[in-house]
Amino acid sequence: MKKLEYIFKHNNAINVIQLKPSANSKIGFGYVVQTYHFSPEQFNDFKSDSLNCLGCPFSFSSKTELSGKCYTHKGMQRLGLNSMLKRLSKLDIEEFNKDKFNELLSKVKSVNPSLVRFGAYGEPTLLPMYVVEQLTKYRHTGYTHAWRKFPQFAGIFQASVHSLVELAEANQLGYKTFRIAEVKERSEAICPASKEAGKKKTCVECRMCNGAMKNVVIAQH
């Protein structure tokens, strides 16, 4: 089995749930479920990402000093996203259908994936809660910049934060955090898959970014 996927509209966004083998040395190996989230406006302009990135400072729409600096905007990741958008633009995409998702879910169960990676691109908070509830039965990672808007995802996704003030605020809301910084705070653990940690573990092997364990920090990557 090379790849299985379910594509649907929800919350005005185009969502892709994809199951395929991973060959990424940081993520780890085995079958991995990944979710991608696009704005229909991106068919014409990839930088029109305000709907699917929901205020992320690394999005093109943020208009900050970090604008456009997301790692997904570079190299092979960007080429892959452009290819996926080109393919999606040719499809007649329907609204979320629970039965169709359950068809994919049965195949996911049959391979028992090593990891579910929410938000390989875009905001995973755009997914129906039913989808999140089913996929979080497996080992997973997930990050959201929209943590202030969606308290229901505390304990499920890591809150992506960019300051110690945001770290404290997210913790008060019940979120564990993920932060890019060169200096670790006492309340944080260094990502074991990072270069600075010696790449001790892959994401498949590690469970820290499941939204419920620890605040995690990583150097700029």
N, C-alpha and C. Protein backbone atom coordinates (compact mmCIF):
# COMPACT_ATOMS: atom_id res chain seq x y z
N MET A 1 0.85 -1.20 0.00
CA MET A 1 0.00 0.00 0.00
C MET A 1 0.88 1.25 0.00
N LYS A 2 0.77 2.06 -1.04
CA LYS A 2 1.61 3.23 -1.15
C LYS A 2 1.00 4.45 -0.45
N LYS A 3 -0.28 4.75 -0.74
CA LYS A 3 -0.89 5.93 -0.16
C LYS A 3 -2.40 5.81 -0.19
N LEU A 4 -3.05 6.23 0.89
CA LEU A 4 -4.50 6.34 0.95
C LEU A 4 -4.83 7.73 1.47
N GLU A 5 -5.93 8.30 1.02
CA GLU A 5 -6.27 9.62 1.51
C GLU A 5 -7.77 9.88 1.42
N TYR A 6 -8.20 10.83 2.24
CA TYR A 6 -9.57 11.33 2.18
C TYR A 6 -9.49 12.85 2.12
N ILE A 7 -10.15 13.44 1.13
CA ILE A 7 -10.12 14.88 0.89
C ILE A 7 -11.54 15.42 1.05
N PHE A 8 -11.69 16.50 1.81
CA PHE A 8 -13.03 17.03 2.07
C PHE A 8 -12.96 18.51 2.45
N LYS A 9 -14.10 19.16 2.37
CA LYS A 9 -14.23 20.54 2.82
C LYS A 9 -14.81 20.55 4.23
N HIS A 10 -14.31 21.46 5.05
CA HIS A 10 -14.86 21.66 6.39
C HIS A 10 -14.31 22.99 6.91
N ASN A 11 -15.15 23.75 7.57
CA ASN A 11 -14.75 25.07 8.07
C ASN A 11 -14.18 25.94 6.95
N ASN A 12 -14.78 25.81 5.76
CA ASN A 12 -14.40 26.58 4.57
C ASN A 12 -13.02 26.23 4.01
N ALA A 13 -12.34 25.28 4.66
CA ALA A 13 -11.00 24.88 4.20
C ALA A 13 -11.07 23.54 3.49
N ILE A 14 -10.02 23.26 2.72
CA ILE A 14 -9.87 21.95 2.09
C ILE A 14 -8.89 21.15 2.93
N ASN A 15 -9.36 20.01 3.41
CA ASN A 15 -8.59 19.19 4.34
C ASN A 15 -8.21 17.87 3.67
N VAL A 16 -6.98 17.45 3.87
CA VAL A 16 -6.48 16.19 3.32
C VAL A 16 -5.95 15.34 4.47
N ILE A 17 -6.48 14.13 4.58
CA ILE A 17 -5.95 13.15 5.52
C ILE A 17 -5.28 12.07 4.70
N GLN A 18 -4.01 11.86 4.94
CA GLN A 18 -3.22 10.98 4.08
C GLN A 18 -2.50 9.92 4.93
N LEU A 19 -2.59 8.69 4.48
CA LEU A 19 -1.89 7.58 5.12
C LEU A 19 -0.88 7.03 4.14
N LYS A 20 0.40 7.04 4.54
CA LYS A 20 1.43 6.50 3.65
C LYS A 20 2.68 6.18 4.47
N PRO A 21 3.59 5.39 3.91
CA PRO A 21 4.84 5.10 4.62
C PRO A 21 5.68 6.36 4.74
N SER A 22 6.37 6.51 5.86
CA SER A 22 7.27 7.64 6.07
C SER A 22 8.70 7.25 5.77
N ALA A 23 9.41 8.15 5.09
CA ALA A 23 10.83 7.95 4.84
C ALA A 23 11.62 9.11 5.42
N ASN A 24 11.01 9.85 6.35
CA ASN A 24 11.61 11.02 6.95
C ASN A 24 12.40 10.61 8.19
N SER A 25 13.68 10.90 8.21
CA SER A 25 14.53 10.44 9.31
C SER A 25 14.21 11.11 10.63
N LYS A 26 13.66 12.32 10.61
CA LYS A 26 13.28 13.00 11.85
C LYS A 26 11.96 12.45 12.39
N ILE A 27 10.99 12.26 11.50
CA ILE A 27 9.70 11.74 11.93
C ILE A 27 9.81 10.28 12.34
N GLY A 28 10.53 9.51 11.56
CA GLY A 28 10.67 8.08 11.83
C GLY A 28 10.02 7.28 10.72
N PHE A 29 10.11 5.98 10.83
CA PHE A 29 9.67 5.12 9.74
C PHE A 29 8.44 4.32 10.15
N GLY A 30 7.72 3.83 9.15
CA GLY A 30 6.47 3.13 9.37
C GLY A 30 5.34 3.89 8.71
N TYR A 31 4.13 3.40 8.84
CA TYR A 31 2.97 4.10 8.28
C TYR A 31 2.61 5.29 9.16
N VAL A 32 2.44 6.44 8.52
CA VAL A 32 2.13 7.68 9.22
C VAL A 32 0.91 8.33 8.59
N VAL A 33 -0.01 8.79 9.44
CA VAL A 33 -1.15 9.58 8.98
C VAL A 33 -0.76 11.05 9.12
N GLN A 34 -0.97 11.83 8.06
CA GLN A 34 -0.67 13.26 8.10
C GLN A 34 -1.87 14.04 7.59
N THR A 35 -2.09 15.21 8.19
CA THR A 35 -3.20 16.07 7.74
C THR A 35 -2.64 17.36 7.16
N TYR A 36 -3.30 17.83 6.11
CA TYR A 36 -2.94 19.06 5.42
C TYR A 36 -4.20 19.92 5.30
N HIS A 37 -4.01 21.23 5.38
CA HIS A 37 -5.17 22.13 5.40
C HIS A 37 -4.89 23.34 4.50
N PHE A 38 -5.73 23.53 3.50
CA PHE A 38 -5.53 24.57 2.51
C PHE A 38 -6.73 25.51 2.43
N SER A 39 -6.47 26.71 2.00
CA SER A 39 -7.55 27.65 1.62
C SER A 39 -7.82 27.49 0.13
N PRO A 40 -9.09 27.51 -0.29
CA PRO A 40 -9.38 27.46 -1.74
C PRO A 40 -8.70 28.59 -2.51
N GLU A 41 -8.45 29.72 -1.84
CA GLU A 41 -7.79 30.85 -2.50
C GLU A 41 -6.35 30.52 -2.90
N GLN A 42 -5.79 29.49 -2.30
CA GLN A 42 -4.41 29.12 -2.62
C GLN A 42 -4.27 28.47 -3.99
N PHE A 43 -5.38 28.08 -4.59
CA PHE A 43 -5.32 27.56 -5.96
C PHE A 43 -4.74 28.61 -6.90
N ASN A 44 -5.00 29.88 -6.59
CA ASN A 44 -4.53 30.98 -7.42
C ASN A 44 -3.29 31.67 -6.86
N ASP A 45 -3.14 31.61 -5.55
CA ASP A 45 -2.01 32.28 -4.92
C ASP A 45 -1.67 31.56 -3.62
N PHE A 46 -0.56 30.83 -3.61
CA PHE A 46 -0.18 30.05 -2.44
C PHE A 46 -0.08 30.92 -1.18
N LYS A 47 0.25 32.19 -1.35
CA LYS A 47 0.45 33.07 -0.20
C LYS A 47 -0.86 33.53 0.44
N SER A 48 -1.99 33.19 -0.15
CA SER A 48 -3.29 33.54 0.43
C SER A 48 -3.67 32.49 1.48
N ASP A 49 -2.98 32.54 2.61
CA ASP A 49 -3.08 31.46 3.59
C ASP A 49 -3.71 31.87 4.92
N SER A 50 -4.42 32.99 4.94
CA SER A 50 -4.98 33.44 6.22
C SER A 50 -6.04 32.48 6.75
N LEU A 51 -6.84 31.86 5.87
CA LEU A 51 -7.90 30.96 6.31
C LEU A 51 -7.33 29.69 6.93
N ASN A 52 -6.33 29.11 6.31
CA ASN A 52 -5.84 27.80 6.75
C ASN A 52 -4.70 27.87 7.76
N CYS A 53 -4.10 29.07 7.92
CA CYS A 53 -3.02 29.20 8.90
C CYS A 53 -3.44 29.97 10.15
N LEU A 54 -4.57 30.63 10.10
CA LEU A 54 -5.22 31.23 11.28
C LEU A 54 -4.29 32.06 12.16
N GLY A 55 -3.62 32.99 11.55
CA GLY A 55 -2.83 33.93 12.35
C GLY A 55 -1.45 33.47 12.73
N CYS A 56 -0.98 32.35 12.20
CA CYS A 56 0.39 31.92 12.49
C CYS A 56 1.37 33.01 12.04
N PRO A 57 2.30 33.43 12.89
CA PRO A 57 3.22 34.50 12.50
C PRO A 57 4.15 34.12 11.35
N PHE A 58 4.29 32.81 11.08
CA PHE A 58 5.13 32.36 9.97
C PHE A 58 4.38 32.30 8.65
N SER A 59 3.06 32.52 8.68
CA SER A 59 2.27 32.47 7.45
C SER A 59 2.57 33.70 6.60
N PHE A 60 2.31 33.59 5.31
CA PHE A 60 2.52 34.73 4.42
C PHE A 60 1.58 35.88 4.77
N SER A 61 0.41 35.55 5.30
CA SER A 61 -0.60 36.56 5.58
C SER A 61 -0.38 37.31 6.88
N SER A 62 0.62 36.92 7.68
CA SER A 62 0.80 37.55 8.99
C SER A 62 1.34 38.97 8.90
N LYS A 63 2.10 39.24 7.83
CA LYS A 63 2.67 40.57 7.62
C LYS A 63 3.53 41.01 8.82
N THR A 64 4.29 40.08 9.38
CA THR A 64 5.23 40.38 10.44
C THR A 64 6.64 40.07 9.94
N GLU A 65 7.63 40.27 10.81
CA GLU A 65 9.00 39.96 10.41
C GLU A 65 9.22 38.47 10.19
N LEU A 66 8.30 37.64 10.68
CA LEU A 66 8.39 36.19 10.50
C LEU A 66 7.62 35.71 9.27
N SER A 67 6.92 36.60 8.62
CA SER A 67 6.04 36.23 7.51
C SER A 67 6.77 35.43 6.43
N GLY A 68 6.19 34.27 6.08
CA GLY A 68 6.72 33.43 5.02
C GLY A 68 7.89 32.56 5.41
N LYS A 69 8.27 32.57 6.69
CA LYS A 69 9.47 31.84 7.11
C LYS A 69 9.19 30.45 7.67
N CYS A 70 7.99 29.96 7.49
CA CYS A 70 7.66 28.59 7.91
C CYS A 70 8.53 27.60 7.12
N TYR A 71 8.97 26.54 7.80
CA TYR A 71 9.82 25.56 7.13
C TYR A 71 9.11 24.88 5.96
N THR A 72 7.77 24.88 5.96
CA THR A 72 7.03 24.26 4.85
C THR A 72 7.08 25.10 3.59
N HIS A 73 7.56 26.32 3.69
CA HIS A 73 7.63 27.21 2.53
C HIS A 73 8.94 27.06 1.76
N LYS A 74 9.76 26.10 2.18
CA LYS A 74 11.09 25.98 1.60
C LYS A 74 11.29 24.64 0.89
N GLY A 75 12.15 24.64 -0.11
CA GLY A 75 12.65 23.43 -0.73
C GLY A 75 11.61 22.41 -1.14
N MET A 76 11.87 21.15 -0.78
CA MET A 76 11.02 20.05 -1.20
C MET A 76 9.62 20.13 -0.59
N GLN A 77 9.52 20.68 0.64
CA GLN A 77 8.21 20.81 1.25
C GLN A 77 7.31 21.72 0.41
N ARG A 78 7.86 22.85 -0.02
CA ARG A 78 7.08 23.80 -0.83
C ARG A 78 6.71 23.16 -2.16
N LEU A 79 7.63 22.46 -2.78
CA LEU A 79 7.34 21.81 -4.05
C LEU A 79 6.22 20.77 -3.88
N GLY A 80 6.27 20.03 -2.77
CA GLY A 80 5.23 19.04 -2.50
C GLY A 80 3.87 19.67 -2.29
N LEU A 81 3.82 20.79 -1.57
CA LEU A 81 2.56 21.49 -1.34
C LEU A 81 2.00 22.06 -2.64
N ASN A 82 2.87 22.61 -3.47
CA ASN A 82 2.43 23.14 -4.76
C ASN A 82 1.85 22.02 -5.63
N SER A 83 2.49 20.86 -5.62
CA SER A 83 2.01 19.73 -6.39
C SER A 83 0.65 19.25 -5.88
N MET A 84 0.50 19.22 -4.54
CA MET A 84 -0.77 18.79 -3.97
C MET A 84 -1.89 19.78 -4.32
N LEU A 85 -1.59 21.07 -4.24
CA LEU A 85 -2.59 22.09 -4.59
C LEU A 85 -3.01 21.98 -6.05
N LYS A 86 -2.06 21.74 -6.92
CA LYS A 86 -2.37 21.59 -8.35
C LYS A 86 -3.33 20.43 -8.57
N ARG A 87 -3.08 19.33 -7.86
CA ARG A 87 -3.95 18.15 -7.98
C ARG A 87 -5.34 18.43 -7.39
N LEU A 88 -5.38 19.10 -6.22
CA LEU A 88 -6.65 19.38 -5.56
C LEU A 88 -7.53 20.32 -6.40
N SER A 89 -6.88 21.23 -7.13
CA SER A 89 -7.63 22.22 -7.91
C SER A 89 -8.44 21.58 -9.03
N LYS A 90 -8.11 20.36 -9.39
CA LYS A 90 -8.80 19.67 -10.47
C LYS A 90 -9.94 18.77 -9.98
N LEU A 91 -10.11 18.71 -8.65
CA LEU A 91 -11.10 17.80 -8.07
C LEU A 91 -12.39 18.52 -7.69
N ASP A 92 -13.47 17.79 -7.68
CA ASP A 92 -14.74 18.28 -7.16
C ASP A 92 -14.84 17.81 -5.71
N ILE A 93 -14.49 18.68 -4.78
CA ILE A 93 -14.34 18.29 -3.38
C ILE A 93 -15.62 18.56 -2.61
N GLU A 94 -16.10 17.53 -1.92
CA GLU A 94 -17.36 17.62 -1.18
C GLU A 94 -17.12 17.92 0.29
N GLU A 95 -18.21 18.29 0.98
CA GLU A 95 -18.15 18.53 2.41
C GLU A 95 -17.86 17.23 3.16
N PHE A 96 -17.42 17.36 4.39
CA PHE A 96 -17.06 16.20 5.21
C PHE A 96 -18.20 15.20 5.28
N ASN A 97 -17.86 13.94 5.07
CA ASN A 97 -18.82 12.84 5.14
C ASN A 97 -18.28 11.80 6.13
N LYS A 98 -19.01 11.60 7.20
CA LYS A 98 -18.53 10.71 8.27
C LYS A 98 -18.31 9.29 7.77
N ASP A 99 -19.21 8.81 6.91
CA ASP A 99 -19.08 7.44 6.41
C ASP A 99 -17.80 7.28 5.58
N LYS A 100 -17.49 8.27 4.75
CA LYS A 100 -16.28 8.19 3.93
C LYS A 100 -15.02 8.25 4.79
N PHE A 101 -15.09 9.08 5.82
CA PHE A 101 -13.94 9.11 6.73
C PHE A 101 -13.78 7.77 7.44
N ASN A 102 -14.88 7.17 7.84
CA ASN A 102 -14.81 5.88 8.53
C ASN A 102 -14.24 4.78 7.62
N GLU A 103 -14.46 4.91 6.32
CA GLU A 103 -13.85 3.96 5.38
C GLU A 103 -12.33 4.06 5.45
N LEU A 104 -11.83 5.29 5.45
CA LEU A 104 -10.39 5.47 5.59
C LEU A 104 -9.92 4.99 6.96
N LEU A 105 -10.71 5.28 7.98
CA LEU A 105 -10.33 4.92 9.34
C LEU A 105 -10.17 3.40 9.50
N SER A 106 -11.01 2.65 8.82
CA SER A 106 -10.90 1.19 8.91
C SER A 106 -9.58 0.71 8.34
N LYS A 107 -9.10 1.37 7.29
CA LYS A 107 -7.81 1.02 6.69
C LYS A 107 -6.65 1.48 7.58
N VAL A 108 -6.85 2.62 8.24
CA VAL A 108 -5.86 3.09 9.20
C VAL A 108 -5.70 2.07 10.32
N LYS A 109 -6.82 1.57 10.82
CA LYS A 109 -6.79 0.58 11.89
C LYS A 109 -6.08 -0.69 11.45
N SER A 110 -6.25 -1.06 10.19
CA SER A 110 -5.67 -2.32 9.71
C SER A 110 -4.15 -2.28 9.67
N VAL A 111 -3.56 -1.08 9.50
CA VAL A 111 -2.10 -0.98 9.45
C VAL A 111 -1.51 -0.51 10.78
N ASN A 112 -2.39 -0.05 11.70
CA ASN A 112 -1.93 0.43 13.02
C ASN A 112 -0.77 1.40 12.86
N PRO A 113 -1.02 2.63 12.41
CA PRO A 113 0.06 3.55 12.07
C PRO A 113 0.99 3.85 13.24
N SER A 114 2.23 4.12 12.91
CA SER A 114 3.23 4.45 13.92
C SER A 114 2.99 5.83 14.52
N LEU A 115 2.37 6.72 13.73
CA LEU A 115 2.19 8.10 14.18
C LEU A 115 1.08 8.76 13.38
N VAL A 116 0.34 9.65 14.04
CA VAL A 116 -0.57 10.57 13.37
C VAL A 116 0.02 11.96 13.54
N ARG A 117 0.25 12.62 12.43
CA ARG A 117 0.89 13.94 12.44
C ARG A 117 -0.14 14.99 11.99
N PHE A 118 -0.75 15.64 12.96
CA PHE A 118 -1.75 16.66 12.66
C PHE A 118 -1.06 17.94 12.20
N GLY A 119 -1.57 18.52 11.11
CA GLY A 119 -1.05 19.80 10.66
C GLY A 119 0.33 19.71 10.04
N ALA A 120 0.55 18.71 9.17
CA ALA A 120 1.79 18.69 8.41
C ALA A 120 1.92 20.00 7.64
N TYR A 121 0.77 20.56 7.28
CA TYR A 121 0.68 21.93 6.77
C TYR A 121 -0.68 22.47 7.14
N GLY A 122 -0.73 23.70 7.64
CA GLY A 122 -2.00 24.33 8.00
C GLY A 122 -2.44 23.99 9.42
N GLU A 123 -3.60 24.52 9.78
CA GLU A 123 -4.13 24.43 11.15
C GLU A 123 -4.99 23.19 11.36
N PRO A 124 -4.58 22.26 12.23
CA PRO A 124 -5.38 21.07 12.48
C PRO A 124 -6.68 21.35 13.23
N THR A 125 -6.82 22.54 13.81
CA THR A 125 -8.07 22.91 14.48
C THR A 125 -9.21 23.06 13.47
N LEU A 126 -8.90 23.04 12.19
CA LEU A 126 -9.93 23.11 11.14
C LEU A 126 -10.64 21.77 10.95
N LEU A 127 -10.12 20.71 11.54
CA LEU A 127 -10.72 19.39 11.39
C LEU A 127 -11.97 19.25 12.25
N PRO A 128 -12.92 18.42 11.82
CA PRO A 128 -14.05 18.08 12.69
C PRO A 128 -13.54 17.40 13.96
N MET A 129 -14.17 17.68 15.09
CA MET A 129 -13.72 17.08 16.34
C MET A 129 -13.82 15.56 16.30
N TYR A 130 -14.79 15.03 15.57
CA TYR A 130 -14.91 13.57 15.46
C TYR A 130 -13.64 12.97 14.85
N VAL A 131 -13.10 13.62 13.84
CA VAL A 131 -11.87 13.14 13.19
C VAL A 131 -10.72 13.16 14.18
N VAL A 132 -10.60 14.26 14.91
CA VAL A 132 -9.52 14.38 15.88
C VAL A 132 -9.65 13.31 16.96
N GLU A 133 -10.86 13.09 17.45
CA GLU A 133 -11.07 12.10 18.51
C GLU A 133 -10.67 10.70 18.05
N GLN A 134 -10.98 10.37 16.80
CA GLN A 134 -10.65 9.03 16.29
C GLN A 134 -9.16 8.86 16.06
N LEU A 135 -8.52 9.89 15.53
CA LEU A 135 -7.10 9.77 15.18
C LEU A 135 -6.18 9.91 16.39
N THR A 136 -6.66 10.55 17.45
CA THR A 136 -5.82 10.67 18.64
C THR A 136 -5.84 9.39 19.48
N LYS A 137 -6.49 8.35 18.99
CA LYS A 137 -6.38 7.04 19.64
C LYS A 137 -5.01 6.42 19.36
N TYR A 138 -4.29 7.02 18.39
CA TYR A 138 -2.95 6.57 18.05
C TYR A 138 -1.94 7.60 18.57
N ARG A 139 -0.69 7.18 18.65
CA ARG A 139 0.38 8.12 19.00
C ARG A 139 0.34 9.27 17.99
N HIS A 140 0.42 10.50 18.49
CA HIS A 140 0.24 11.63 17.57
C HIS A 140 1.07 12.84 18.00
N THR A 141 1.26 13.73 17.04
CA THR A 141 1.80 15.07 17.29
C THR A 141 0.85 16.07 16.66
N GLY A 142 0.83 17.28 17.21
CA GLY A 142 -0.02 18.31 16.65
C GLY A 142 0.29 19.65 17.29
N TYR A 143 0.20 20.71 16.51
CA TYR A 143 0.56 22.05 16.98
C TYR A 143 -0.47 23.05 16.47
N THR A 144 -0.83 24.01 17.32
CA THR A 144 -1.78 25.03 16.88
C THR A 144 -1.34 26.42 17.33
N HIS A 145 -1.44 27.37 16.41
CA HIS A 145 -1.25 28.77 16.76
C HIS A 145 -2.56 29.42 17.20
N ALA A 146 -3.65 28.69 17.05
CA ALA A 146 -4.98 29.23 17.37
C ALA A 146 -5.45 28.78 18.74
N TRP A 147 -4.53 28.56 19.66
CA TRP A 147 -4.88 28.00 20.97
C TRP A 147 -5.76 28.91 21.80
N ARG A 148 -5.66 30.20 21.60
CA ARG A 148 -6.55 31.11 22.34
C ARG A 148 -8.00 30.95 21.88
N LYS A 149 -8.20 30.65 20.61
CA LYS A 149 -9.55 30.53 20.04
C LYS A 149 -10.18 29.18 20.32
N PHE A 150 -9.36 28.15 20.53
CA PHE A 150 -9.88 26.79 20.61
C PHE A 150 -9.41 26.07 21.88
N PRO A 151 -10.00 26.43 23.03
CA PRO A 151 -9.59 25.77 24.29
C PRO A 151 -9.88 24.28 24.30
N GLN A 152 -10.80 23.83 23.42
CA GLN A 152 -11.17 22.40 23.41
C GLN A 152 -10.04 21.50 22.93
N PHE A 153 -8.99 22.08 22.34
CA PHE A 153 -7.87 21.27 21.87
C PHE A 153 -6.72 21.20 22.87
N ALA A 154 -6.89 21.81 24.04
CA ALA A 154 -5.88 21.69 25.10
C ALA A 154 -5.81 20.23 25.52
N GLY A 155 -4.59 19.74 25.68
CA GLY A 155 -4.40 18.34 26.02
C GLY A 155 -4.37 17.43 24.81
N ILE A 156 -4.59 18.01 23.62
CA ILE A 156 -4.57 17.25 22.37
C ILE A 156 -3.44 17.73 21.45
N PHE A 157 -3.37 19.06 21.26
CA PHE A 157 -2.32 19.67 20.47
C PHE A 157 -1.42 20.52 21.37
N GLN A 158 -0.17 20.69 20.96
CA GLN A 158 0.72 21.64 21.63
C GLN A 158 0.36 23.05 21.16
N ALA A 159 0.40 24.01 22.06
CA ALA A 159 0.23 25.41 21.68
C ALA A 159 1.56 25.94 21.16
N SER A 160 1.58 26.41 19.93
CA SER A 160 2.79 27.02 19.38
C SER A 160 2.90 28.44 19.93
N VAL A 161 3.95 28.70 20.69
CA VAL A 161 4.12 30.01 21.33
C VAL A 161 5.47 30.61 20.94
N HIS A 162 5.58 31.93 21.14
CA HIS A 162 6.78 32.63 20.68
C HIS A 162 7.38 33.55 21.73
N SER A 163 6.94 33.41 22.97
CA SER A 163 7.50 34.20 24.06
C SER A 163 7.19 33.50 25.37
N LEU A 164 7.87 33.90 26.42
CA LEU A 164 7.61 33.32 27.73
C LEU A 164 6.25 33.76 28.26
N VAL A 165 5.81 34.94 27.86
CA VAL A 165 4.47 35.40 28.25
C VAL A 165 3.41 34.49 27.64
N GLU A 166 3.58 34.16 26.35
CA GLU A 166 2.63 33.25 25.71
C GLU A 166 2.70 31.85 26.30
N LEU A 167 3.90 31.41 26.65
CA LEU A 167 4.06 30.10 27.28
C LEU A 167 3.23 30.02 28.56
N ALA A 168 3.35 31.03 29.41
CA ALA A 168 2.61 31.05 30.68
C ALA A 168 1.11 31.12 30.43
N GLU A 169 0.70 31.93 29.46
CA GLU A 169 -0.72 32.07 29.16
C GLU A 169 -1.31 30.75 28.65
N ALA A 170 -0.59 30.08 27.76
CA ALA A 170 -1.08 28.82 27.22
C ALA A 170 -1.18 27.76 28.31
N ASN A 171 -0.18 27.72 29.19
CA ASN A 171 -0.22 26.76 30.30
C ASN A 171 -1.43 27.00 31.19
N GLN A 172 -1.76 28.25 31.41
CA GLN A 172 -2.93 28.59 32.23
C GLN A 172 -4.22 28.11 31.59
N LEU A 173 -4.22 28.04 30.25
CA LEU A 173 -5.40 27.56 29.52
C LEU A 173 -5.42 26.04 29.40
N GLY A 174 -4.43 25.38 29.96
CA GLY A 174 -4.40 23.92 29.95
C GLY A 174 -3.57 23.32 28.84
N TYR A 175 -2.92 24.17 28.05
CA TYR A 175 -2.09 23.69 26.94
C TYR A 175 -0.65 23.44 27.39
N LYS A 176 -0.03 22.40 26.86
CA LYS A 176 1.41 22.28 26.84
C LYS A 176 1.90 23.00 25.59
N THR A 177 3.14 23.46 25.58
CA THR A 177 3.58 24.36 24.52
C THR A 177 4.71 23.78 23.68
N PHE A 178 4.89 24.40 22.51
CA PHE A 178 6.02 24.13 21.63
C PHE A 178 6.58 25.49 21.24
N ARG A 179 7.87 25.70 21.50
CA ARG A 179 8.47 27.02 21.31
C ARG A 179 9.81 26.88 20.59
N ILE A 180 10.08 27.80 19.68
CA ILE A 180 11.38 27.88 19.00
C ILE A 180 12.22 28.91 19.75
N ALA A 181 13.32 28.45 20.33
CA ALA A 181 14.19 29.33 21.10
C ALA A 181 15.56 28.68 21.26
N GLU A 182 16.54 29.48 21.53
CA GLU A 182 17.90 28.97 21.70
C GLU A 182 18.18 28.61 23.15
N VAL A 183 17.40 29.16 24.08
CA VAL A 183 17.61 28.92 25.51
C VAL A 183 16.39 28.23 26.09
N LYS A 184 16.60 27.13 26.78
CA LYS A 184 15.51 26.35 27.39
C LYS A 184 15.15 26.92 28.75
N GLU A 185 13.84 27.03 28.99
CA GLU A 185 13.37 27.40 30.32
C GLU A 185 13.26 26.15 31.20
N ARG A 186 13.18 26.36 32.51
CA ARG A 186 13.14 25.24 33.45
C ARG A 186 11.93 24.34 33.18
N SER A 187 10.82 24.94 32.73
CA SER A 187 9.59 24.17 32.53
C SER A 187 9.56 23.43 31.20
N GLU A 188 10.62 23.57 30.39
CA GLU A 188 10.63 23.00 29.04
C GLU A 188 11.59 21.83 28.92
N ALA A 189 11.29 20.96 27.97
CA ALA A 189 12.17 19.86 27.60
C ALA A 189 12.63 20.08 26.16
N ILE A 190 13.89 19.79 25.87
CA ILE A 190 14.40 19.94 24.51
C ILE A 190 13.86 18.80 23.65
N CYS A 191 13.42 19.12 22.45
CA CYS A 191 12.92 18.11 21.51
C CYS A 191 13.99 17.05 21.27
N PRO A 192 13.72 15.78 21.60
CA PRO A 192 14.74 14.73 21.42
C PRO A 192 15.11 14.46 19.97
N ALA A 193 14.26 14.89 19.03
CA ALA A 193 14.56 14.68 17.61
C ALA A 193 15.40 15.80 17.02
N SER A 194 15.70 16.81 17.84
CA SER A 194 16.42 17.98 17.33
C SER A 194 17.91 17.74 17.23
N LYS A 195 18.56 18.56 16.45
CA LYS A 195 20.02 18.48 16.29
C LYS A 195 20.71 18.74 17.61
N GLU A 196 20.21 19.74 18.36
CA GLU A 196 20.87 20.10 19.61
C GLU A 196 20.73 19.03 20.70
N ALA A 197 19.74 18.15 20.55
CA ALA A 197 19.58 17.03 21.49
C ALA A 197 20.29 15.78 21.00
N GLY A 198 20.97 15.90 19.86
CA GLY A 198 21.69 14.75 19.33
C GLY A 198 20.81 13.76 18.59
N LYS A 199 19.61 14.20 18.23
CA LYS A 199 18.66 13.34 17.49
C LYS A 199 18.51 11.98 18.17
N LYS A 200 18.24 12.03 19.47
CA LYS A 200 18.17 10.81 20.27
C LYS A 200 16.97 9.94 19.90
N LYS A 201 15.88 10.60 19.51
CA LYS A 201 14.67 9.85 19.17
C LYS A 201 14.01 10.47 17.95
N THR A 202 13.24 9.69 17.22
CA THR A 202 12.40 10.21 16.15
C THR A 202 11.04 10.61 16.74
N CYS A 203 10.23 11.29 15.96
CA CYS A 203 8.88 11.63 16.42
C CYS A 203 8.06 10.36 16.70
N VAL A 204 8.29 9.33 15.91
CA VAL A 204 7.59 8.07 16.12
C VAL A 204 7.93 7.49 17.48
N GLU A 205 9.18 7.62 17.89
CA GLU A 205 9.62 7.05 19.16
C GLU A 205 9.26 7.91 20.36
N CYS A 206 9.10 9.21 20.14
CA CYS A 206 8.88 10.17 21.23
C CYS A 206 7.39 10.47 21.39
N ARG A 207 6.97 10.79 22.60
CA ARG A 207 5.55 11.10 22.83
C ARG A 207 5.35 12.50 23.40
N MET A 208 6.37 13.33 23.40
CA MET A 208 6.26 14.60 24.13
C MET A 208 5.32 15.62 23.48
N CYS A 209 5.12 15.54 22.17
CA CYS A 209 4.28 16.54 21.50
C CYS A 209 2.85 16.06 21.30
N ASN A 210 2.34 15.29 22.25
CA ASN A 210 0.95 14.81 22.14
C ASN A 210 -0.05 15.71 22.83
N GLY A 211 0.41 16.90 23.26
CA GLY A 211 -0.49 17.87 23.86
C GLY A 211 -0.71 17.72 25.35
N ALA A 212 -0.21 16.64 25.93
CA ALA A 212 -0.56 16.36 27.32
C ALA A 212 0.64 16.15 28.24
N MET A 213 1.87 16.14 27.70
CA MET A 213 3.00 15.74 28.53
C MET A 213 3.86 16.90 29.01
N LYS A 214 4.55 17.58 28.08
CA LYS A 214 5.53 18.57 28.48
C LYS A 214 5.51 19.79 27.56
N ASN A 215 6.03 20.90 28.07
CA ASN A 215 6.38 22.02 27.21
C ASN A 215 7.67 21.65 26.48
N VAL A 216 7.71 21.86 25.18
CA VAL A 216 8.85 21.45 24.37
C VAL A 216 9.49 22.66 23.71
N VAL A 217 10.80 22.65 23.61
CA VAL A 217 11.52 23.73 22.95
C VAL A 217 12.48 23.15 21.93
N ILE A 218 12.69 23.89 20.84
CA ILE A 218 13.62 23.47 19.79
C ILE A 218 14.28 24.72 19.22
N ALA A 219 15.53 24.59 18.80
CA ALA A 219 16.22 25.72 18.16
C ALA A 219 15.62 25.95 16.77
N GLN A 220 15.87 27.11 16.21
CA GLN A 220 15.37 27.45 14.89
C GLN A 220 15.76 26.36 13.89
N HIS A 221 14.79 25.92 13.08
CA HIS A 221 15.04 24.83 12.13
C HIS A 221 14.28 25.09 10.84
